[in-house]
Amino acid sequence: MLAARWGTKLGMTEDDVGTMVTLRVPASLGTTGEDAMRLRDALLFEDKIELQVHAGHGQIRVRISAQVYNAMDEYERLGEVVRKRAE
């Protein structure tokens, strides 16, 4: 759902995804470690979303974890927030 919303690729089959997955964010959000830190801080301090954000191989990726305390609407909100930041 997130990769589709962001226009990125999952990089594996959905059958290979367990409770944690690393996803590329849209390229317009940057490619460097500094870009990743900016995105992480914006998500945390402006949007109140905490997640792992890192850069490597010219891409920024986020690590998403499904936990019992998370709800689908939180993932949908993350998808929309990142999509808007990428515009």
C-alpha atoms as a PDB file:
ATOM      1  CA  MET A   1       0.000   0.000   0.000  1.00  0.00           C
ATOM      2  CA  LEU A   2       2.763   2.467   0.917  1.00  0.00           C
ATOM      3  CA  ALA A   3       4.947   1.700  -2.105  1.00  0.00           C
ATOM      4  CA  ALA A   4       1.928   2.110  -4.388  1.00  0.00           C
ATOM      5  CA  ARG A   5       0.973   5.422  -2.776  1.00  0.00           C
ATOM      6  CA  TRP A   6       4.534   6.718  -3.086  1.00  0.00           C
ATOM      7  CA  GLY A   7       5.084   5.467  -6.628  1.00  0.00           C
ATOM      8  CA  THR A   8       8.011   3.291  -5.536  1.00  0.00           C
ATOM      9  CA  LYS A   9       8.645  -0.440  -5.734  1.00  0.00           C
ATOM     10  CA  LEU A  10       8.445  -2.885  -2.867  1.00  0.00           C
ATOM     11  CA  GLY A  11      11.634  -4.627  -4.008  1.00  0.00           C
ATOM     12  CA  MET A  12      10.320  -8.087  -3.085  1.00  0.00           C
ATOM     13  CA  THR A  13       7.117 -10.049  -3.296  1.00  0.00           C
ATOM     14  CA  GLU A  14       4.469  -9.367  -0.683  1.00  0.00           C
ATOM     15  CA  ASP A  15       4.864 -13.003   0.422  1.00  0.00           C
ATOM     16  CA  ASP A  16       8.432 -12.158   1.485  1.00  0.00           C
ATOM     17  CA  VAL A  17       7.272  -9.407   3.863  1.00  0.00           C
ATOM     18  CA  GLY A  18       6.922 -10.312   7.519  1.00  0.00           C
ATOM     19  CA  THR A  19       6.269  -7.858  10.317  1.00  0.00           C
ATOM     20  CA  MET A  20       9.012  -5.497   9.170  1.00  0.00           C
ATOM     21  CA  VAL A  21       9.885  -4.083   5.761  1.00  0.00           C
ATOM     22  CA  THR A  22      12.210  -1.444   4.352  1.00  0.00           C
ATOM     23  CA  LEU A  23      10.695   0.754   1.641  1.00  0.00           C
ATOM     24  CA  ARG A  24      12.074   3.412  -0.668  1.00  0.00           C
ATOM     25  CA  VAL A  25      10.480   6.818  -0.386  1.00  0.00           C
ATOM     26  CA  PRO A  26       9.943   9.021  -3.447  1.00  0.00           C
ATOM     27  CA  ALA A  27      13.226  10.204  -4.993  1.00  0.00           C
ATOM     28  CA  SER A  28      12.143  13.841  -4.650  1.00  0.00           C
ATOM     29  CA  LEU A  29      12.780  13.551  -0.890  1.00  0.00           C
ATOM     30  CA  GLY A  30      16.509  13.242  -1.477  1.00  0.00           C
ATOM     31  CA  THR A  31      19.349  10.769  -1.619  1.00  0.00           C
ATOM     32  CA  THR A  32      21.831  11.626   1.131  1.00  0.00           C
ATOM     33  CA  GLY A  33      22.204  10.985   4.829  1.00  0.00           C
ATOM     34  CA  GLU A  34      21.443  14.643   5.458  1.00  0.00           C
ATOM     35  CA  ASP A  35      18.215  14.353   3.434  1.00  0.00           C
ATOM     36  CA  ALA A  36      17.266  11.275   5.460  1.00  0.00           C
ATOM     37  CA  MET A  37      17.878  13.119   8.749  1.00  0.00           C
ATOM     38  CA  ARG A  38      15.780  16.063   7.534  1.00  0.00           C
ATOM     39  CA  LEU A  39      12.914  13.740   6.629  1.00  0.00           C
ATOM     40  CA  ARG A  40      13.174  11.832   9.909  1.00  0.00           C
ATOM     41  CA  ASP A  41      13.134  15.059  11.921  1.00  0.00           C
ATOM     42  CA  ALA A  42      10.233  16.533   9.931  1.00  0.00           C
ATOM     43  CA  LEU A  43       8.189  13.370  10.392  1.00  0.00           C
ATOM     44  CA  LEU A  44       8.967  13.282  14.112  1.00  0.00           C
ATOM     45  CA  PHE A  45       8.685  16.921  15.103  1.00  0.00           C
ATOM     46  CA  GLU A  46       6.097  18.198  12.624  1.00  0.00           C
ATOM     47  CA  ASP A  47       3.959  15.119  11.972  1.00  0.00           C
ATOM     48  CA  LYS A  48       4.515  13.190  15.236  1.00  0.00           C
ATOM     49  CA  ILE A  49       5.519  10.048  13.317  1.00  0.00           C
ATOM     50  CA  GLU A  50       8.539   8.131  14.576  1.00  0.00           C
ATOM     51  CA  LEU A  51      10.252   5.628  12.305  1.00  0.00           C
ATOM     52  CA  GLN A  52      13.675   4.615  11.088  1.00  0.00           C
ATOM     53  CA  VAL A  53      14.841   6.662   8.068  1.00  0.00           C
ATOM     54  CA  HIS A  54      18.191   6.006   6.412  1.00  0.00           C
ATOM     55  CA  ALA A  55      20.066   6.655   3.170  1.00  0.00           C
ATOM     56  CA  GLY A  56      22.144   4.283   1.137  1.00  0.00           C
ATOM     57  CA  HIS A  57      22.961   3.579  -2.497  1.00  0.00           C
ATOM     58  CA  GLY A  58      21.536   6.965  -3.529  1.00  0.00           C
ATOM     59  CA  GLN A  59      18.110   6.346  -2.006  1.00  0.00           C
ATOM     60  CA  ILE A  60      16.232   7.105   1.172  1.00  0.00           C
ATOM     61  CA  ARG A  61      14.398   4.235   2.803  1.00  0.00           C
ATOM     62  CA  VAL A  62      12.108   3.891   5.796  1.00  0.00           C
ATOM     63  CA  ARG A  63      11.719   0.802   7.920  1.00  0.00           C
ATOM     64  CA  ILE A  64       8.123   0.004   8.766  1.00  0.00           C
ATOM     65  CA  SER A  65       7.237  -2.395  11.548  1.00  0.00           C
ATOM     66  CA  ALA A  66       3.812  -3.912  12.123  1.00  0.00           C
ATOM     67  CA  GLN A  67       3.139  -4.166  15.830  1.00  0.00           C
ATOM     68  CA  VAL A  68       0.090  -5.001  17.885  1.00  0.00           C
ATOM     69  CA  TYR A  69      -0.155  -1.354  19.026  1.00  0.00           C
ATOM     70  CA  ASN A  70      -0.271   0.021  15.439  1.00  0.00           C
ATOM     71  CA  ALA A  71      -3.477   0.427  13.443  1.00  0.00           C
ATOM     72  CA  MET A  72      -3.990   0.511   9.676  1.00  0.00           C
ATOM     73  CA  ASP A  73      -5.019   4.176   9.779  1.00  0.00           C
ATOM     74  CA  GLU A  74      -1.542   5.030  11.123  1.00  0.00           C
ATOM     75  CA  TYR A  75       0.093   3.447   8.063  1.00  0.00           C
ATOM     76  CA  GLU A  76      -2.383   5.266   5.818  1.00  0.00           C
ATOM     77  CA  ARG A  77      -1.517   8.556   7.537  1.00  0.00           C
ATOM     78  CA  LEU A  78       2.205   7.881   7.061  1.00  0.00           C
ATOM     79  CA  GLY A  79       1.564   7.159   3.390  1.00  0.00           C
ATOM     80  CA  GLU A  80      -0.254  10.434   2.896  1.00  0.00           C
ATOM     81  CA  VAL A  81       2.234  12.531   4.896  1.00  0.00           C
ATOM     82  CA  VAL A  82       5.216  11.207   2.919  1.00  0.00           C
ATOM     83  CA  ARG A  83       3.341  11.582  -0.390  1.00  0.00           C
ATOM     84  CA  LYS A  84       2.581  15.238   0.372  1.00  0.00           C
ATOM     85  CA  ARG A  85       6.195  15.926   1.419  1.00  0.00           C
ATOM     86  CA  ALA A  86       7.351  14.443  -1.882  1.00  0.00           C
ATOM     87  CA  GLU A  87       5.245  16.826  -4.006  1.00  0.00           C
END
